Amino acid sequence: MTAKKLKELKSMAEKYHSWEKQNKNKAKTFDDFIKDEERNPLEDFIVEVSNERIAQGMSQADLAKKMKTTQSVISRFENMGRKPRFEFMQKLAEALGGKIGITIHDDYTIIVPKEYREIVEKLSKKSGKSPKEFLQGLLIDALEKTNTRKKGKVRA
């Protein structure tokens, strides 16, 4: 990793920890930090993976073992030592219980905060849909109701 990249990563980590302290008593999440900062999607992914690994109580060695690789590979990834291949990113996501999704419509993609994921999971199972299908239906219903209310209002 270049000295410049290392400096950028440390700066970003410091910004996040400072932001986290400032927002400690507010209902803000890592997703809010992402919105507040303009960054590279690959860097966002690296930070997300690192945070998820830590949240799950896994060391780099634990994650490496789960992925059948070495701790130094995980360290190099988290320190932005080189750009990861898509297959590696898929393996990371799977090892952490997730799934990779790539889109050209970033502004229309949301991440459900962790505290709501269990609720979404239960409701989607109850409806016989995947969480994604359930949330899309919920969003469409809400937008149609909002649009209907606006059309129904008569201006004086």
C-alpha atoms as a PDB file:
ATOM      1  CA  MET A   1       0.000   0.000   0.000  1.00  0.00           C
ATOM      2  CA  THR A   2       1.263   3.435  -0.823  1.00  0.00           C
ATOM      3  CA  ALA A   3       1.917   5.940   1.921  1.00  0.00           C
ATOM      4  CA  LYS A   4      -0.721   8.201   0.373  1.00  0.00           C
ATOM      5  CA  LYS A   5      -3.410   5.473   0.525  1.00  0.00           C
ATOM      6  CA  LEU A   6      -2.487   4.625   4.108  1.00  0.00           C
ATOM      7  CA  LYS A   7      -2.741   8.289   5.072  1.00  0.00           C
ATOM      8  CA  GLU A   8      -6.173   8.540   3.355  1.00  0.00           C
ATOM      9  CA  LEU A   9      -7.436   5.422   5.129  1.00  0.00           C
ATOM     10  CA  LYS A  10      -6.231   6.625   8.528  1.00  0.00           C
ATOM     11  CA  SER A  11      -7.810  10.019   7.873  1.00  0.00           C
ATOM     12  CA  MET A  12     -11.118   8.388   6.940  1.00  0.00           C
ATOM     13  CA  ALA A  13     -11.027   6.167  10.043  1.00  0.00           C
ATOM     14  CA  GLU A  14     -10.285   9.182  12.238  1.00  0.00           C
ATOM     15  CA  LYS A  15     -13.157  11.121  10.626  1.00  0.00           C
ATOM     16  CA  TYR A  16     -15.510   8.210  11.252  1.00  0.00           C
ATOM     17  CA  HIS A  17     -14.502   7.809  14.896  1.00  0.00           C
ATOM     18  CA  SER A  18     -14.807  11.557  15.447  1.00  0.00           C
ATOM     19  CA  TRP A  19     -18.197  11.602  13.717  1.00  0.00           C
ATOM     20  CA  GLU A  20     -19.285   8.582  15.775  1.00  0.00           C
ATOM     21  CA  LYS A  21     -18.379  10.360  19.046  1.00  0.00           C
ATOM     22  CA  GLN A  22     -20.210  13.530  17.964  1.00  0.00           C
ATOM     23  CA  ASN A  23     -23.320  11.523  17.120  1.00  0.00           C
ATOM     24  CA  LYS A  24     -23.151   9.089  20.040  1.00  0.00           C
ATOM     25  CA  ASN A  25     -26.505  10.087  21.574  1.00  0.00           C
ATOM     26  CA  LYS A  26     -28.269  10.577  18.251  1.00  0.00           C
ATOM     27  CA  ALA A  27     -30.130   7.943  16.265  1.00  0.00           C
ATOM     28  CA  LYS A  28     -27.444   7.906  13.578  1.00  0.00           C
ATOM     29  CA  THR A  29     -25.867   4.896  11.930  1.00  0.00           C
ATOM     30  CA  PHE A  30     -22.835   4.077   9.826  1.00  0.00           C
ATOM     31  CA  ASP A  31     -25.108   4.609   6.810  1.00  0.00           C
ATOM     32  CA  ASP A  32     -25.593   8.232   7.897  1.00  0.00           C
ATOM     33  CA  PHE A  33     -21.826   8.679   8.028  1.00  0.00           C
ATOM     34  CA  ILE A  34     -21.571   7.323   4.484  1.00  0.00           C
ATOM     35  CA  LYS A  35     -24.134   9.938   3.372  1.00  0.00           C
ATOM     36  CA  ASP A  36     -22.215  12.709   5.133  1.00  0.00           C
ATOM     37  CA  GLU A  37     -18.933  11.848   3.425  1.00  0.00           C
ATOM     38  CA  GLU A  38     -18.216  11.738  -0.280  1.00  0.00           C
ATOM     39  CA  ARG A  39     -16.102   8.647  -0.831  1.00  0.00           C
ATOM     40  CA  ASN A  40     -15.179   5.878  -3.175  1.00  0.00           C
ATOM     41  CA  PRO A  41     -17.598   2.872  -3.200  1.00  0.00           C
ATOM     42  CA  LEU A  42     -14.699   0.418  -2.903  1.00  0.00           C
ATOM     43  CA  GLU A  43     -13.455   2.229   0.203  1.00  0.00           C
ATOM     44  CA  ASP A  44     -17.009   2.158   1.586  1.00  0.00           C
ATOM     45  CA  PHE A  45     -17.110  -1.599   1.011  1.00  0.00           C
ATOM     46  CA  ILE A  46     -13.768  -2.096   2.763  1.00  0.00           C
ATOM     47  CA  VAL A  47     -14.912  -0.066   5.780  1.00  0.00           C
ATOM     48  CA  GLU A  48     -18.251  -1.917   5.837  1.00  0.00           C
ATOM     49  CA  VAL A  49     -16.507  -5.321   5.758  1.00  0.00           C
ATOM     50  CA  SER A  50     -14.081  -4.320   8.494  1.00  0.00           C
ATOM     51  CA  ASN A  51     -16.885  -2.955  10.704  1.00  0.00           C
ATOM     52  CA  GLU A  52     -19.018  -6.061  10.155  1.00  0.00           C
ATOM     53  CA  ARG A  53     -16.101  -8.357  10.956  1.00  0.00           C
ATOM     54  CA  ILE A  54     -15.491  -6.499  14.210  1.00  0.00           C
ATOM     55  CA  ALA A  55     -19.230  -6.385  15.038  1.00  0.00           C
ATOM     56  CA  GLN A  56     -19.349 -10.172  14.664  1.00  0.00           C
ATOM     57  CA  GLY A  57     -16.390 -10.495  17.028  1.00  0.00           C
ATOM     58  CA  MET A  58     -14.128 -11.944  14.355  1.00  0.00           C
ATOM     59  CA  SER A  59     -10.430 -11.333  14.090  1.00  0.00           C
ATOM     60  CA  GLN A  60      -8.770 -11.038  10.705  1.00  0.00           C
ATOM     61  CA  ALA A  61      -7.437 -14.571  11.285  1.00  0.00           C
ATOM     62  CA  ASP A  62     -10.967 -15.871  12.002  1.00  0.00           C
ATOM     63  CA  LEU A  63     -12.297 -14.358   8.790  1.00  0.00           C
ATOM     64  CA  ALA A  64      -9.319 -15.661   6.826  1.00  0.00           C
ATOM     65  CA  LYS A  65      -9.901 -19.189   8.143  1.00  0.00           C
ATOM     66  CA  LYS A  66     -13.562 -19.017   7.162  1.00  0.00           C
ATOM     67  CA  MET A  67     -12.523 -17.923   3.647  1.00  0.00           C
ATOM     68  CA  LYS A  68      -9.690 -20.478   3.399  1.00  0.00           C
ATOM     69  CA  THR A  69      -7.066 -17.781   2.977  1.00  0.00           C
ATOM     70  CA  THR A  70      -4.474 -16.113   5.226  1.00  0.00           C
ATOM     71  CA  GLN A  71      -4.712 -13.306   7.744  1.00  0.00           C
ATOM     72  CA  SER A  72      -2.242 -11.266   5.695  1.00  0.00           C
ATOM     73  CA  VAL A  73      -4.660 -11.321   2.723  1.00  0.00           C
ATOM     74  CA  ILE A  74      -7.435  -9.891   4.932  1.00  0.00           C
ATOM     75  CA  SER A  75      -5.056  -7.310   6.384  1.00  0.00           C
ATOM     76  CA  ARG A  76      -3.927  -6.246   2.920  1.00  0.00           C
ATOM     77  CA  PHE A  77      -7.583  -5.913   1.870  1.00  0.00           C
ATOM     78  CA  GLU A  78      -8.559  -3.845   4.933  1.00  0.00           C
ATOM     79  CA  ASN A  79      -5.517  -1.611   4.448  1.00  0.00           C
ATOM     80  CA  MET A  80      -6.302  -1.138   0.753  1.00  0.00           C
ATOM     81  CA  GLY A  81      -3.085  -2.829  -0.291  1.00  0.00           C
ATOM     82  CA  ARG A  82      -4.531  -3.718  -3.660  1.00  0.00           C
ATOM     83  CA  LYS A  83      -7.854  -3.708  -5.435  1.00  0.00           C
ATOM     84  CA  PRO A  84      -9.771  -6.902  -4.708  1.00  0.00           C
ATOM     85  CA  ARG A  85     -11.260  -9.069  -7.435  1.00  0.00           C
ATOM     86  CA  PHE A  86     -15.024  -9.460  -7.554  1.00  0.00           C
ATOM     87  CA  GLU A  87     -14.792 -13.135  -6.560  1.00  0.00           C
ATOM     88  CA  PHE A  88     -12.822 -12.177  -3.438  1.00  0.00           C
ATOM     89  CA  MET A  89     -15.439  -9.577  -2.500  1.00  0.00           C
ATOM     90  CA  GLN A  90     -18.180 -12.213  -2.947  1.00  0.00           C
ATOM     91  CA  LYS A  91     -16.324 -14.617  -0.652  1.00  0.00           C
ATOM     92  CA  LEU A  92     -15.926 -11.861   1.953  1.00  0.00           C
ATOM     93  CA  ALA A  93     -19.618 -11.036   1.883  1.00  0.00           C
ATOM     94  CA  GLU A  94     -20.611 -14.699   2.166  1.00  0.00           C
ATOM     95  CA  ALA A  95     -18.165 -15.328   5.019  1.00  0.00           C
ATOM     96  CA  LEU A  96     -19.793 -12.463   6.916  1.00  0.00           C
ATOM     97  CA  GLY A  97     -23.316 -13.727   6.189  1.00  0.00           C
ATOM     98  CA  GLY A  98     -24.065 -11.223   3.454  1.00  0.00           C
ATOM     99  CA  LYS A  99     -24.393 -11.012  -0.281  1.00  0.00           C
ATOM    100  CA  ILE A 100     -22.843  -8.625  -2.802  1.00  0.00           C
ATOM    101  CA  GLY A 101     -25.069  -6.333  -4.828  1.00  0.00           C
ATOM    102  CA  ILE A 102     -23.846  -3.995  -7.540  1.00  0.00           C
ATOM    103  CA  THR A 103     -25.964  -1.360  -9.235  1.00  0.00           C
ATOM    104  CA  ILE A 104     -25.646   1.703 -11.414  1.00  0.00           C
ATOM    105  CA  HIS A 105     -28.582   3.231  -9.505  1.00  0.00           C
ATOM    106  CA  ASP A 106     -26.836   3.996  -6.211  1.00  0.00           C
ATOM    107  CA  ASP A 107     -29.142   6.863  -5.238  1.00  0.00           C
ATOM    108  CA  TYR A 108     -32.066   4.423  -5.349  1.00  0.00           C
ATOM    109  CA  THR A 109     -30.446   1.736  -3.223  1.00  0.00           C
ATOM    110  CA  ILE A 110     -30.913   1.644   0.526  1.00  0.00           C
ATOM    111  CA  ILE A 111     -29.438  -0.387   3.340  1.00  0.00           C
ATOM    112  CA  VAL A 112     -31.859  -1.445   6.044  1.00  0.00           C
ATOM    113  CA  PRO A 113     -30.357  -0.514   9.423  1.00  0.00           C
ATOM    114  CA  LYS A 114     -29.392  -3.582  11.469  1.00  0.00           C
ATOM    115  CA  GLU A 115     -31.973  -2.842  14.158  1.00  0.00           C
ATOM    116  CA  TYR A 116     -34.787  -3.330  11.580  1.00  0.00           C
ATOM    117  CA  ARG A 117     -33.457  -6.355   9.689  1.00  0.00           C
ATOM    118  CA  GLU A 118     -35.010  -8.938  12.011  1.00  0.00           C
ATOM    119  CA  ILE A 119     -38.432  -7.290  11.602  1.00  0.00           C
ATOM    120  CA  VAL A 120     -38.062  -7.200   7.812  1.00  0.00           C
ATOM    121  CA  GLU A 121     -36.977 -10.850   7.819  1.00  0.00           C
ATOM    122  CA  LYS A 122     -40.039 -11.942   9.831  1.00  0.00           C
ATOM    123  CA  LEU A 123     -42.494  -9.887   7.761  1.00  0.00           C
ATOM    124  CA  SER A 124     -41.030 -11.029   4.459  1.00  0.00           C
ATOM    125  CA  LYS A 125     -41.202 -14.696   5.490  1.00  0.00           C
ATOM    126  CA  LYS A 126     -44.792 -14.205   6.626  1.00  0.00           C
ATOM    127  CA  SER A 127     -45.661 -12.722   3.217  1.00  0.00           C
ATOM    128  CA  GLY A 128     -43.826 -15.509   1.358  1.00  0.00           C
ATOM    129  CA  LYS A 129     -41.462 -13.044  -0.291  1.00  0.00           C
ATOM    130  CA  SER A 130     -37.744 -12.374  -0.110  1.00  0.00           C
ATOM    131  CA  PRO A 131     -36.739  -9.349   1.973  1.00  0.00           C
ATOM    132  CA  LYS A 132     -35.950  -7.476  -1.258  1.00  0.00           C
ATOM    133  CA  GLU A 133     -39.367  -8.273  -2.803  1.00  0.00           C
ATOM    134  CA  PHE A 134     -41.122  -7.398   0.452  1.00  0.00           C
ATOM    135  CA  LEU A 135     -39.358  -4.027   0.765  1.00  0.00           C
ATOM    136  CA  GLN A 136     -39.953  -3.167  -2.894  1.00  0.00           C
ATOM    137  CA  GLY A 137     -43.671  -3.877  -2.437  1.00  0.00           C
ATOM    138  CA  LEU A 138     -43.777  -1.824   0.749  1.00  0.00           C
ATOM    139  CA  LEU A 139     -42.080   1.106  -0.955  1.00  0.00           C
ATOM    140  CA  ILE A 140     -44.323   0.947  -4.025  1.00  0.00           C
ATOM    141  CA  ASP A 141     -47.460   0.820  -1.836  1.00  0.00           C
ATOM    142  CA  ALA A 142     -46.290   3.829   0.186  1.00  0.00           C
ATOM    143  CA  LEU A 143     -45.434   5.826  -2.936  1.00  0.00           C
ATOM    144  CA  GLU A 144     -48.758   5.007  -4.591  1.00  0.00           C
ATOM    145  CA  LYS A 145     -50.673   6.064  -1.456  1.00  0.00           C
ATOM    146  CA  THR A 146     -48.710   9.325  -1.306  1.00  0.00           C
ATOM    147  CA  ASN A 147     -49.265   9.974  -5.004  1.00  0.00           C
ATOM    148  CA  THR A 148     -53.017   9.207  -4.697  1.00  0.00           C
ATOM    149  CA  ARG A 149     -53.364  11.622  -1.774  1.00  0.00           C
ATOM    150  CA  LYS A 150     -51.633  14.371  -3.736  1.00  0.00           C
ATOM    151  CA  LYS A 151     -53.887  13.819  -6.775  1.00  0.00           C
ATOM    152  CA  GLY A 152     -56.974  13.798  -4.560  1.00  0.00           C
ATOM    153  CA  LYS A 153     -56.253  17.233  -3.073  1.00  0.00           C
ATOM    154  CA  VAL A 154     -58.205  20.024  -4.689  1.00  0.00           C
ATOM    155  CA  ARG A 155     -56.642  23.455  -4.835  1.00  0.00           C
ATOM    156  CA  ALA A 156     -58.857  26.373  -3.954  1.00  0.00           C
END
